[in-house]
Amino acid sequence: MEIVFMGSPDFAIPSLEKLYHSDHTIKAVVSNVDKRRGRGSKKHPTPLKARAQQLNLPTIDVDDLSSGTFTNQLKELEADLFVVVAFRILPPAVLDIPKIGSINLHASLLPKYRGAAPIHWAVMNGESETGCTVFFLDEKIDTGNIILQRKISIGENETTGDVYERLKNEGSELLLKAVNAIEADNFKLSQQDDDLATPAPKLFRDDCHIDFENPAIAVHNKIRGLSPFPTAWAKWEDKKFNMYQSKLGPALNLKAGRLCSKKGRLLVGCSEGTVELLKVQLPGTRKMSGMDFIRGYTVDGELK
């Protein structure tokens, strides 16, 4: 089939590569416009666009998905299928262009975790499994008919980053399988049960603050669910104290938020139990292990 591929972050790269090396033809890769990133004023392409250029694929930058210019560009490509991975919400005028339709790879077991941050919320909520879903797009967010799904387990200490890396590869395999099934007209659609839907909205700074009045398991899940980005934080001595990795600590009688050192372990009290902080960071410093923090700072006070 002839495909237009849409996406921006590195999560979409394995999927692009799988389709590139298949029998299908990628007519163009659509991505967000180049932006200034890091120091200096030079603009840089999205990770997906940069990889597409390495593969010598035609690329289309888009800011306004509803613009007539963009719509006409897509129509001229006469694609059979639009494939979307980690992109934006396509307007109806775009969804209607391809001959077969538009499909999306989503990093959850829909209808659970509809929205922008499905992996984060699955880990933060302490799920023992998640997965990926390939489905046909419709006008509502993440509600279309499902083509294929694949489950993976989530380890008790895995971070969102760990799950992200596995899902972007598992998802790419599932996506190619779905595209092949569509070409062969050998698939069965299943409708989503909206009553089972759960939200996975975008996370903001205030969402990432850790409240140690919660039980240790909830604190641990939130820290790993926000790692490596957008990052769990609290205040320590009026400094922003970032937390990237943790595990459940020993049963000690520590006040919620109280930071202490015990046998080389950096521990913080919760409403029930303790959490051991394995990787932390203060402003202007590199990430450090809990042990290195103990060596470099007087471990006293509270995380608020």
C-alpha atoms as a PDB file:
ATOM      1  CA  MET A   1       0.000   0.000   0.000  1.00  0.00           C
ATOM      2  CA  GLU A   2       0.941   3.632  -0.387  1.00  0.00           C
ATOM      3  CA  ILE A   3       1.216   5.304   3.006  1.00  0.00           C
ATOM      4  CA  VAL A   4       1.571   8.773   4.476  1.00  0.00           C
ATOM      5  CA  PHE A   5       3.227   8.518   7.883  1.00  0.00           C
ATOM      6  CA  MET A   6       2.636  11.167  10.577  1.00  0.00           C
ATOM      7  CA  GLY A   7       4.476  11.702  13.857  1.00  0.00           C
ATOM      8  CA  SER A   8       7.113  13.741  15.655  1.00  0.00           C
ATOM      9  CA  PRO A   9       8.930  12.194  18.672  1.00  0.00           C
ATOM     10  CA  ASP A  10      11.410   9.319  18.702  1.00  0.00           C
ATOM     11  CA  PHE A  11       8.613   6.959  19.772  1.00  0.00           C
ATOM     12  CA  ALA A  12       7.497   6.953  16.117  1.00  0.00           C
ATOM     13  CA  ILE A  13      10.917   6.107  14.636  1.00  0.00           C
ATOM     14  CA  PRO A  14      10.821   2.274  14.957  1.00  0.00           C
ATOM     15  CA  SER A  15       7.372   2.265  13.342  1.00  0.00           C
ATOM     16  CA  LEU A  16       8.620   4.366  10.437  1.00  0.00           C
ATOM     17  CA  GLU A  17      11.610   2.074   9.992  1.00  0.00           C
ATOM     18  CA  LYS A  18       9.467  -1.079  10.030  1.00  0.00           C
ATOM     19  CA  LEU A  19       7.231   0.294   7.276  1.00  0.00           C
ATOM     20  CA  TYR A  20      10.207   1.632   5.320  1.00  0.00           C
ATOM     21  CA  HIS A  21      11.767  -1.837   5.187  1.00  0.00           C
ATOM     22  CA  SER A  22       8.455  -3.529   4.313  1.00  0.00           C
ATOM     23  CA  ASP A  23       6.787  -4.010   0.935  1.00  0.00           C
ATOM     24  CA  HIS A  24       4.718  -0.857   1.468  1.00  0.00           C
ATOM     25  CA  THR A  25       5.610   2.547   0.047  1.00  0.00           C
ATOM     26  CA  ILE A  26       5.917   5.641   2.210  1.00  0.00           C
ATOM     27  CA  LYS A  27       4.823   8.531   0.031  1.00  0.00           C
ATOM     28  CA  ALA A  28       5.693  11.203   2.605  1.00  0.00           C
ATOM     29  CA  VAL A  29       6.409  11.769   6.289  1.00  0.00           C
ATOM     30  CA  VAL A  30       4.443  14.519   8.008  1.00  0.00           C
ATOM     31  CA  SER A  31       5.857  16.108  11.150  1.00  0.00           C
ATOM     32  CA  ASN A  32       5.747  19.291  13.201  1.00  0.00           C
ATOM     33  CA  VAL A  33       7.674  22.332  12.019  1.00  0.00           C
ATOM     34  CA  ASP A  34      11.335  22.709  12.972  1.00  0.00           C
ATOM     35  CA  LYS A  35      11.902  24.385  16.339  1.00  0.00           C
ATOM     36  CA  ARG A  36      14.767  25.947  18.225  1.00  0.00           C
ATOM     37  CA  ARG A  37      16.019  23.442  20.785  1.00  0.00           C
ATOM     38  CA  GLY A  38      18.787  23.894  23.328  1.00  0.00           C
ATOM     39  CA  ARG A  39      21.385  26.612  23.089  1.00  0.00           C
ATOM     40  CA  GLY A  40      21.721  28.912  20.118  1.00  0.00           C
ATOM     41  CA  SER A  41      19.169  29.999  17.588  1.00  0.00           C
ATOM     42  CA  LYS A  42      19.467  27.168  15.087  1.00  0.00           C
ATOM     43  CA  LYS A  43      16.258  25.318  14.311  1.00  0.00           C
ATOM     44  CA  HIS A  44      16.180  21.544  14.500  1.00  0.00           C
ATOM     45  CA  PRO A  45      13.783  19.015  12.959  1.00  0.00           C
ATOM     46  CA  THR A  46      11.708  16.664  15.066  1.00  0.00           C
ATOM     47  CA  PRO A  47      13.369  13.286  15.759  1.00  0.00           C
ATOM     48  CA  LEU A  48      11.023  11.602  13.281  1.00  0.00           C
ATOM     49  CA  LYS A  49      11.684  14.119  10.512  1.00  0.00           C
ATOM     50  CA  ALA A  50      15.446  13.817  11.040  1.00  0.00           C
ATOM     51  CA  ARG A  51      15.226  10.028  10.629  1.00  0.00           C
ATOM     52  CA  ALA A  52      12.995  10.386   7.561  1.00  0.00           C
ATOM     53  CA  GLN A  53      15.595  12.643   5.966  1.00  0.00           C
ATOM     54  CA  GLN A  54      18.300  10.052   6.665  1.00  0.00           C
ATOM     55  CA  LEU A  55      16.121   7.533   4.822  1.00  0.00           C
ATOM     56  CA  ASN A  56      15.692  10.010   1.932  1.00  0.00           C
ATOM     57  CA  LEU A  57      11.930  10.104   2.388  1.00  0.00           C
ATOM     58  CA  PRO A  58       9.916  13.183   1.326  1.00  0.00           C
ATOM     59  CA  THR A  59       8.866  15.237   4.350  1.00  0.00           C
ATOM     60  CA  ILE A  60       6.088  17.742   4.974  1.00  0.00           C
ATOM     61  CA  ASP A  61       6.251  20.258   7.824  1.00  0.00           C
ATOM     62  CA  VAL A  62       2.890  21.308   9.186  1.00  0.00           C
ATOM     63  CA  ASP A  63       1.797  23.869  11.746  1.00  0.00           C
ATOM     64  CA  ASP A  64      -1.903  24.224  10.949  1.00  0.00           C
ATOM     65  CA  LEU A  65      -3.457  20.825  10.259  1.00  0.00           C
ATOM     66  CA  SER A  66      -6.626  22.486   8.979  1.00  0.00           C
ATOM     67  CA  SER A  67      -4.964  24.642   6.335  1.00  0.00           C
ATOM     68  CA  GLY A  68      -6.103  24.208   2.761  1.00  0.00           C
ATOM     69  CA  THR A  69      -2.488  24.055   1.586  1.00  0.00           C
ATOM     70  CA  PHE A  70      -1.754  21.067   3.810  1.00  0.00           C
ATOM     71  CA  THR A  71      -4.980  19.309   2.842  1.00  0.00           C
ATOM     72  CA  ASN A  72      -4.190  19.755  -0.861  1.00  0.00           C
ATOM     73  CA  GLN A  73      -0.660  18.399  -0.355  1.00  0.00           C
ATOM     74  CA  LEU A  74      -2.101  15.251   1.163  1.00  0.00           C
ATOM     75  CA  LYS A  75      -4.721  14.819  -1.560  1.00  0.00           C
ATOM     76  CA  GLU A  76      -2.060  15.013  -4.261  1.00  0.00           C
ATOM     77  CA  LEU A  77      -0.243  12.042  -2.703  1.00  0.00           C
ATOM     78  CA  GLU A  78      -3.278   9.767  -3.326  1.00  0.00           C
ATOM     79  CA  ALA A  79      -2.391   7.542  -0.372  1.00  0.00           C
ATOM     80  CA  ASP A  80      -4.215   4.355   0.534  1.00  0.00           C
ATOM     81  CA  LEU A  81      -3.626   4.802   4.248  1.00  0.00           C
ATOM     82  CA  PHE A  82      -2.529   7.428   6.765  1.00  0.00           C
ATOM     83  CA  VAL A  83      -0.486   5.997   9.638  1.00  0.00           C
ATOM     84  CA  VAL A  84      -0.257   8.155  12.762  1.00  0.00           C
ATOM     85  CA  VAL A  85       2.141   7.569  15.678  1.00  0.00           C
ATOM     86  CA  ALA A  86       2.468  10.123  18.498  1.00  0.00           C
ATOM     87  CA  PHE A  87       1.153  13.081  16.543  1.00  0.00           C
ATOM     88  CA  ARG A  88      -1.733  15.528  16.852  1.00  0.00           C
ATOM     89  CA  ILE A  89      -5.492  15.244  16.446  1.00  0.00           C
ATOM     90  CA  LEU A  90      -6.330  15.121  12.742  1.00  0.00           C
ATOM     91  CA  PRO A  91      -9.324  17.206  11.598  1.00  0.00           C
ATOM     92  CA  PRO A  92     -12.170  15.437   9.736  1.00  0.00           C
ATOM     93  CA  ALA A  93     -11.084  16.965   6.417  1.00  0.00           C
ATOM     94  CA  VAL A  94      -7.740  15.162   6.757  1.00  0.00           C
ATOM     95  CA  LEU A  95      -9.164  11.880   8.061  1.00  0.00           C
ATOM     96  CA  ASP A  96     -11.355  11.563   4.977  1.00  0.00           C
ATOM     97  CA  ILE A  97      -8.511  11.851   2.449  1.00  0.00           C
ATOM     98  CA  PRO A  98      -6.945   8.352   2.265  1.00  0.00           C
ATOM     99  CA  LYS A  99      -8.748   5.638   0.308  1.00  0.00           C
ATOM    100  CA  ILE A 100      -8.874   3.141   3.199  1.00  0.00           C
ATOM    101  CA  GLY A 101      -8.681   5.414   6.243  1.00  0.00           C
ATOM    102  CA  SER A 102      -6.325   6.575   8.973  1.00  0.00           C
ATOM    103  CA  ILE A 103      -4.895   4.350  11.683  1.00  0.00           C
ATOM    104  CA  ASN A 104      -3.106   5.183  14.911  1.00  0.00           C
ATOM    105  CA  LEU A 105      -0.669   3.396  17.217  1.00  0.00           C
ATOM    106  CA  HIS A 106      -1.519   4.266  20.829  1.00  0.00           C
ATOM    107  CA  ALA A 107       0.585   3.267  23.852  1.00  0.00           C
ATOM    108  CA  SER A 108      -2.137   1.721  26.004  1.00  0.00           C
ATOM    109  CA  LEU A 109      -4.723  -1.029  25.993  1.00  0.00           C
ATOM    110  CA  LEU A 110      -7.637   1.081  24.838  1.00  0.00           C
ATOM    111  CA  PRO A 111     -10.141   2.101  26.039  1.00  0.00           C
ATOM    112  CA  LYS A 112      -7.914   2.468  29.126  1.00  0.00           C
ATOM    113  CA  TYR A 113      -5.723   5.565  29.204  1.00  0.00           C
ATOM    114  CA  ARG A 114      -7.067   7.668  26.387  1.00  0.00           C
ATOM    115  CA  GLY A 115      -5.073  10.864  26.030  1.00  0.00           C
ATOM    116  CA  ALA A 116      -1.607  12.362  25.734  1.00  0.00           C
ATOM    117  CA  ALA A 117       0.256  10.503  28.521  1.00  0.00           C
ATOM    118  CA  PRO A 118      -0.910   6.872  28.590  1.00  0.00           C
ATOM    119  CA  ILE A 119       2.381   5.324  29.725  1.00  0.00           C
ATOM    120  CA  HIS A 120       2.863   7.841  32.540  1.00  0.00           C
ATOM    121  CA  TRP A 121      -0.596   7.235  33.978  1.00  0.00           C
ATOM    122  CA  ALA A 122      -0.380   3.455  33.737  1.00  0.00           C
ATOM    123  CA  VAL A 123       2.877   3.446  35.719  1.00  0.00           C
ATOM    124  CA  MET A 124       1.702   6.087  38.210  1.00  0.00           C
ATOM    125  CA  ASN A 125      -1.443   4.087  38.880  1.00  0.00           C
ATOM    126  CA  GLY A 126       0.600   0.988  39.645  1.00  0.00           C
ATOM    127  CA  GLU A 127      -0.677  -1.092  36.735  1.00  0.00           C
ATOM    128  CA  SER A 128       1.008  -4.487  36.394  1.00  0.00           C
ATOM    129  CA  GLU A 129       0.449  -4.510  32.630  1.00  0.00           C
ATOM    130  CA  THR A 130      -0.177  -2.164  29.750  1.00  0.00           C
ATOM    131  CA  GLY A 131       0.325  -2.461  26.010  1.00  0.00           C
ATOM    132  CA  CYS A 132      -0.359  -0.879  22.665  1.00  0.00           C
ATOM    133  CA  THR A 133      -3.331  -0.607  20.355  1.00  0.00           C
ATOM    134  CA  VAL A 134      -3.669  -0.038  16.620  1.00  0.00           C
ATOM    135  CA  PHE A 135      -7.056   1.394  15.708  1.00  0.00           C
ATOM    136  CA  PHE A 136      -8.883   3.368  13.034  1.00  0.00           C
ATOM    137  CA  LEU A 137      -9.084   7.072  13.827  1.00  0.00           C
ATOM    138  CA  ASP A 138     -12.393   8.862  14.068  1.00  0.00           C
ATOM    139  CA  GLU A 139     -13.301  12.390  15.108  1.00  0.00           C
ATOM    140  CA  LYS A 140     -13.076  11.753  18.859  1.00  0.00           C
ATOM    141  CA  ILE A 141      -9.825  11.199  20.756  1.00  0.00           C
ATOM    142  CA  ASP A 142      -8.684   7.549  20.925  1.00  0.00           C
ATOM    143  CA  THR A 143     -12.178   6.121  20.452  1.00  0.00           C
ATOM    144  CA  GLY A 144     -12.016   4.357  17.071  1.00  0.00           C
ATOM    145  CA  ASN A 145     -12.482   0.678  16.285  1.00  0.00           C
ATOM    146  CA  ILE A 146      -9.586  -1.541  17.342  1.00  0.00           C
ATOM    147  CA  ILE A 147      -7.621  -3.590  14.801  1.00  0.00           C
ATOM    148  CA  LEU A 148      -4.987  -5.214  17.042  1.00  0.00           C
ATOM    149  CA  GLN A 149      -3.668  -5.042  20.608  1.00  0.00           C
ATOM    150  CA  ARG A 150      -0.593  -6.382  22.394  1.00  0.00           C
ATOM    151  CA  LYS A 151       0.024  -6.608  26.152  1.00  0.00           C
ATOM    152  CA  ILE A 152       3.272  -6.163  28.064  1.00  0.00           C
ATOM    153  CA  SER A 153       3.971  -6.412  31.790  1.00  0.00           C
ATOM    154  CA  ILE A 154       5.187  -3.530  33.951  1.00  0.00           C
ATOM    155  CA  GLY A 155       7.811  -4.361  36.595  1.00  0.00           C
ATOM    156  CA  GLU A 156       7.288  -2.989  40.101  1.00  0.00           C
ATOM    157  CA  ASN A 157      10.345  -0.724  39.799  1.00  0.00           C
ATOM    158  CA  GLU A 158      10.166   0.110  36.093  1.00  0.00           C
ATOM    159  CA  THR A 159       9.952   3.759  35.099  1.00  0.00           C
ATOM    160  CA  THR A 160       7.893   5.340  32.347  1.00  0.00           C
ATOM    161  CA  GLY A 161      11.147   5.597  30.377  1.00  0.00           C
ATOM    162  CA  ASP A 162      11.690   1.839  30.645  1.00  0.00           C
ATOM    163  CA  VAL A 163       8.155   1.039  29.469  1.00  0.00           C
ATOM    164  CA  TYR A 164       8.356   3.698  26.726  1.00  0.00           C
ATOM    165  CA  GLU A 165      11.448   2.040  25.220  1.00  0.00           C
ATOM    166  CA  ARG A 166       9.811  -1.379  25.140  1.00  0.00           C
ATOM    167  CA  LEU A 167       6.485  -0.140  23.812  1.00  0.00           C
ATOM    168  CA  LYS A 168       7.945   1.848  20.939  1.00  0.00           C
ATOM    169  CA  ASN A 169       9.490  -1.386  19.618  1.00  0.00           C
ATOM    170  CA  GLU A 170       6.577  -3.692  20.469  1.00  0.00           C
ATOM    171  CA  GLY A 171       4.250  -1.105  18.942  1.00  0.00           C
ATOM    172  CA  SER A 172       6.202  -0.931  15.702  1.00  0.00           C
ATOM    173  CA  GLU A 173       5.838  -4.700  15.233  1.00  0.00           C
ATOM    174  CA  LEU A 174       2.130  -4.553  15.980  1.00  0.00           C
ATOM    175  CA  LEU A 175       1.661  -1.634  13.583  1.00  0.00           C
ATOM    176  CA  LEU A 176       3.303  -3.471  10.680  1.00  0.00           C
ATOM    177  CA  LYS A 177       1.185  -6.530  11.433  1.00  0.00           C
ATOM    178  CA  ALA A 178      -1.942  -4.349  11.328  1.00  0.00           C
ATOM    179  CA  VAL A 179      -0.950  -2.669   8.051  1.00  0.00           C
ATOM    180  CA  ASN A 180      -0.303  -6.068   6.461  1.00  0.00           C
ATOM    181  CA  ALA A 181      -3.678  -7.306   7.706  1.00  0.00           C
ATOM    182  CA  ILE A 182      -5.418  -4.257   6.238  1.00  0.00           C
ATOM    183  CA  GLU A 183      -3.743  -4.817   2.875  1.00  0.00           C
ATOM    184  CA  ALA A 184      -4.854  -8.463   2.892  1.00  0.00           C
ATOM    185  CA  ASP A 185      -8.323  -7.489   4.138  1.00  0.00           C
ATOM    186  CA  ASN A 186      -7.770 -10.042   6.878  1.00  0.00           C
ATOM    187  CA  PHE A 187      -8.761  -8.338  10.107  1.00  0.00           C
ATOM    188  CA  LYS A 188     -11.728  -8.034  12.435  1.00  0.00           C
ATOM    189  CA  LEU A 189     -12.608  -4.758  14.125  1.00  0.00           C
ATOM    190  CA  SER A 190     -13.761  -4.518  17.725  1.00  0.00           C
ATOM    191  CA  GLN A 191     -15.579  -1.550  19.197  1.00  0.00           C
ATOM    192  CA  GLN A 192     -14.329   0.166  22.331  1.00  0.00           C
ATOM    193  CA  ASP A 193     -16.508   0.105  25.431  1.00  0.00           C
ATOM    194  CA  ASP A 194     -16.696   3.735  26.505  1.00  0.00           C
ATOM    195  CA  ASP A 195     -17.838   2.668  29.989  1.00  0.00           C
ATOM    196  CA  LEU A 196     -14.368   1.179  30.547  1.00  0.00           C
ATOM    197  CA  ALA A 197     -12.486   4.273  29.355  1.00  0.00           C
ATOM    198  CA  THR A 198      -9.982   6.012  31.636  1.00  0.00           C
ATOM    199  CA  PRO A 199      -8.259   9.356  30.970  1.00  0.00           C
ATOM    200  CA  ALA A 200      -4.533   9.979  30.520  1.00  0.00           C
ATOM    201  CA  PRO A 201      -4.260  13.764  30.219  1.00  0.00           C
ATOM    202  CA  LYS A 202      -1.089  15.740  29.632  1.00  0.00           C
ATOM    203  CA  LEU A 203       0.957  16.323  32.788  1.00  0.00           C
ATOM    204  CA  PHE A 204       1.995  19.742  34.058  1.00  0.00           C
ATOM    205  CA  ARG A 205       4.457  20.920  36.714  1.00  0.00           C
ATOM    206  CA  ASP A 206       1.951  20.931  39.568  1.00  0.00           C
ATOM    207  CA  ASP A 207       0.899  17.376  38.698  1.00  0.00           C
ATOM    208  CA  CYS A 208       4.489  16.278  39.370  1.00  0.00           C
ATOM    209  CA  HIS A 209       4.721  17.472  42.972  1.00  0.00           C
ATOM    210  CA  ILE A 210       5.049  14.598  45.436  1.00  0.00           C
ATOM    211  CA  ASP A 211       2.850  14.590  48.533  1.00  0.00           C
ATOM    212  CA  PHE A 212       4.460  12.340  51.138  1.00  0.00           C
ATOM    213  CA  GLU A 213       1.204  12.209  53.090  1.00  0.00           C
ATOM    214  CA  ASN A 214       0.352   9.400  50.674  1.00  0.00           C
ATOM    215  CA  PRO A 215       1.346   5.743  51.276  1.00  0.00           C
ATOM    216  CA  ALA A 216       4.825   4.661  50.186  1.00  0.00           C
ATOM    217  CA  ILE A 217       3.515   2.565  47.286  1.00  0.00           C
ATOM    218  CA  ALA A 218       1.658   5.563  45.819  1.00  0.00           C
ATOM    219  CA  VAL A 219       4.724   7.803  46.219  1.00  0.00           C
ATOM    220  CA  HIS A 220       7.008   5.214  44.602  1.00  0.00           C
ATOM    221  CA  ASN A 221       4.621   4.688  41.684  1.00  0.00           C
ATOM    222  CA  LYS A 222       4.360   8.415  41.064  1.00  0.00           C
ATOM    223  CA  ILE A 223       8.139   8.944  41.127  1.00  0.00           C
ATOM    224  CA  ARG A 224       8.769   6.175  38.600  1.00  0.00           C
ATOM    225  CA  GLY A 225       5.741   7.172  36.543  1.00  0.00           C
ATOM    226  CA  LEU A 226       7.163  10.668  36.082  1.00  0.00           C
ATOM    227  CA  SER A 227      10.684   9.492  35.241  1.00  0.00           C
ATOM    228  CA  PRO A 228      12.600  10.616  33.277  1.00  0.00           C
ATOM    229  CA  PHE A 229      10.160  13.320  32.213  1.00  0.00           C
ATOM    230  CA  PRO A 230       8.408  15.513  33.328  1.00  0.00           C
ATOM    231  CA  THR A 231      10.026  14.481  36.664  1.00  0.00           C
ATOM    232  CA  ALA A 232       8.745  14.153  40.219  1.00  0.00           C
ATOM    233  CA  TRP A 233       9.776  16.920  42.585  1.00  0.00           C
ATOM    234  CA  ALA A 234       9.450  18.323  46.089  1.00  0.00           C
ATOM    235  CA  LYS A 235      11.089  21.168  48.009  1.00  0.00           C
ATOM    236  CA  TRP A 236      14.142  20.571  50.225  1.00  0.00           C
ATOM    237  CA  GLU A 237      15.621  23.576  52.034  1.00  0.00           C
ATOM    238  CA  ASP A 238      13.834  25.859  49.547  1.00  0.00           C
ATOM    239  CA  LYS A 239      15.498  24.024  46.640  1.00  0.00           C
ATOM    240  CA  LYS A 240      13.708  22.023  43.977  1.00  0.00           C
ATOM    241  CA  PHE A 241      14.534  18.395  44.680  1.00  0.00           C
ATOM    242  CA  ASN A 242      14.001  16.138  41.642  1.00  0.00           C
ATOM    243  CA  MET A 243      13.465  12.400  42.048  1.00  0.00           C
ATOM    244  CA  TYR A 244      14.045   9.960  39.177  1.00  0.00           C
ATOM    245  CA  GLN A 245      14.306   6.502  40.689  1.00  0.00           C
ATOM    246  CA  SER A 246      13.043   4.897  43.870  1.00  0.00           C
ATOM    247  CA  LYS A 247      11.973   1.675  45.507  1.00  0.00           C
ATOM    248  CA  LEU A 248       9.969   0.773  48.571  1.00  0.00           C
ATOM    249  CA  GLY A 249      11.998   1.248  51.758  1.00  0.00           C
ATOM    250  CA  PRO A 250      12.031  -0.521  55.126  1.00  0.00           C
ATOM    251  CA  ALA A 251       9.293  -0.204  57.723  1.00  0.00           C
ATOM    252  CA  LEU A 252      10.507   2.716  59.844  1.00  0.00           C
ATOM    253  CA  ASN A 253       8.607   5.161  61.986  1.00  0.00           C
ATOM    254  CA  LEU A 254       9.438   8.274  59.928  1.00  0.00           C
ATOM    255  CA  LYS A 255       7.286  11.365  59.736  1.00  0.00           C
ATOM    256  CA  ALA A 256       5.801  11.934  56.279  1.00  0.00           C
ATOM    257  CA  GLY A 257       8.347  13.883  54.220  1.00  0.00           C
ATOM    258  CA  ARG A 258      11.197  13.364  56.674  1.00  0.00           C
ATOM    259  CA  LEU A 259      14.494  12.695  54.893  1.00  0.00           C
ATOM    260  CA  CYS A 260      17.102  10.519  56.583  1.00  0.00           C
ATOM    261  CA  SER A 261      20.139   8.351  55.960  1.00  0.00           C
ATOM    262  CA  LYS A 262      20.229   4.791  57.222  1.00  0.00           C
ATOM    263  CA  LYS A 263      23.033   2.341  56.385  1.00  0.00           C
ATOM    264  CA  GLY A 264      23.923   4.289  53.244  1.00  0.00           C
ATOM    265  CA  ARG A 265      20.326   4.479  52.030  1.00  0.00           C
ATOM    266  CA  LEU A 266      18.503   7.747  51.397  1.00  0.00           C
ATOM    267  CA  LEU A 267      15.032   7.294  52.865  1.00  0.00           C
ATOM    268  CA  VAL A 268      11.945   9.486  53.057  1.00  0.00           C
ATOM    269  CA  GLY A 269       8.930   8.900  55.270  1.00  0.00           C
ATOM    270  CA  CYS A 270       5.412   8.518  53.905  1.00  0.00           C
ATOM    271  CA  SER A 271       2.016   8.250  55.590  1.00  0.00           C
ATOM    272  CA  GLU A 272       2.525   4.486  55.479  1.00  0.00           C
ATOM    273  CA  GLY A 273       6.054   3.115  55.130  1.00  0.00           C
ATOM    274  CA  THR A 274       9.130   4.660  53.534  1.00  0.00           C
ATOM    275  CA  VAL A 275      10.587   5.114  50.072  1.00  0.00           C
ATOM    276  CA  GLU A 276      14.267   4.762  49.233  1.00  0.00           C
ATOM    277  CA  LEU A 277      15.429   7.425  46.781  1.00  0.00           C
ATOM    278  CA  LEU A 278      17.922   5.915  44.328  1.00  0.00           C
ATOM    279  CA  LYS A 279      18.478   8.815  41.904  1.00  0.00           C
ATOM    280  CA  VAL A 280      17.954  12.497  42.699  1.00  0.00           C
ATOM    281  CA  GLN A 281      19.044  15.919  41.515  1.00  0.00           C
ATOM    282  CA  LEU A 282      19.351  19.422  42.919  1.00  0.00           C
ATOM    283  CA  PRO A 283      19.418  22.603  40.782  1.00  0.00           C
ATOM    284  CA  GLY A 284      22.766  23.136  39.056  1.00  0.00           C
ATOM    285  CA  THR A 285      23.987  19.603  39.730  1.00  0.00           C
ATOM    286  CA  ARG A 286      24.047  16.355  37.831  1.00  0.00           C
ATOM    287  CA  LYS A 287      21.778  13.475  38.711  1.00  0.00           C
ATOM    288  CA  MET A 288      23.272  11.524  41.587  1.00  0.00           C
ATOM    289  CA  SER A 289      22.617   8.310  43.461  1.00  0.00           C
ATOM    290  CA  GLY A 290      21.083   8.396  46.898  1.00  0.00           C
ATOM    291  CA  MET A 291      24.442   7.323  48.310  1.00  0.00           C
ATOM    292  CA  ASP A 292      26.242  10.195  46.575  1.00  0.00           C
ATOM    293  CA  PHE A 293      23.669  12.616  47.951  1.00  0.00           C
ATOM    294  CA  ILE A 294      24.347  11.328  51.466  1.00  0.00           C
ATOM    295  CA  ARG A 295      28.100  11.806  50.946  1.00  0.00           C
ATOM    296  CA  GLY A 296      27.742  15.346  49.621  1.00  0.00           C
ATOM    297  CA  TYR A 297      25.027  16.853  51.796  1.00  0.00           C
ATOM    298  CA  THR A 298      23.867  16.913  55.379  1.00  0.00           C
ATOM    299  CA  VAL A 299      20.800  14.733  55.206  1.00  0.00           C
ATOM    300  CA  ASP A 300      18.379  16.533  57.447  1.00  0.00           C
ATOM    301  CA  GLY A 301      15.047  18.262  57.117  1.00  0.00           C
ATOM    302  CA  GLU A 302      11.888  17.523  55.221  1.00  0.00           C
ATOM    303  CA  LEU A 303      10.737  17.202  51.663  1.00  0.00           C
ATOM    304  CA  LYS A 304       7.654  19.353  51.172  1.00  0.00           C
END
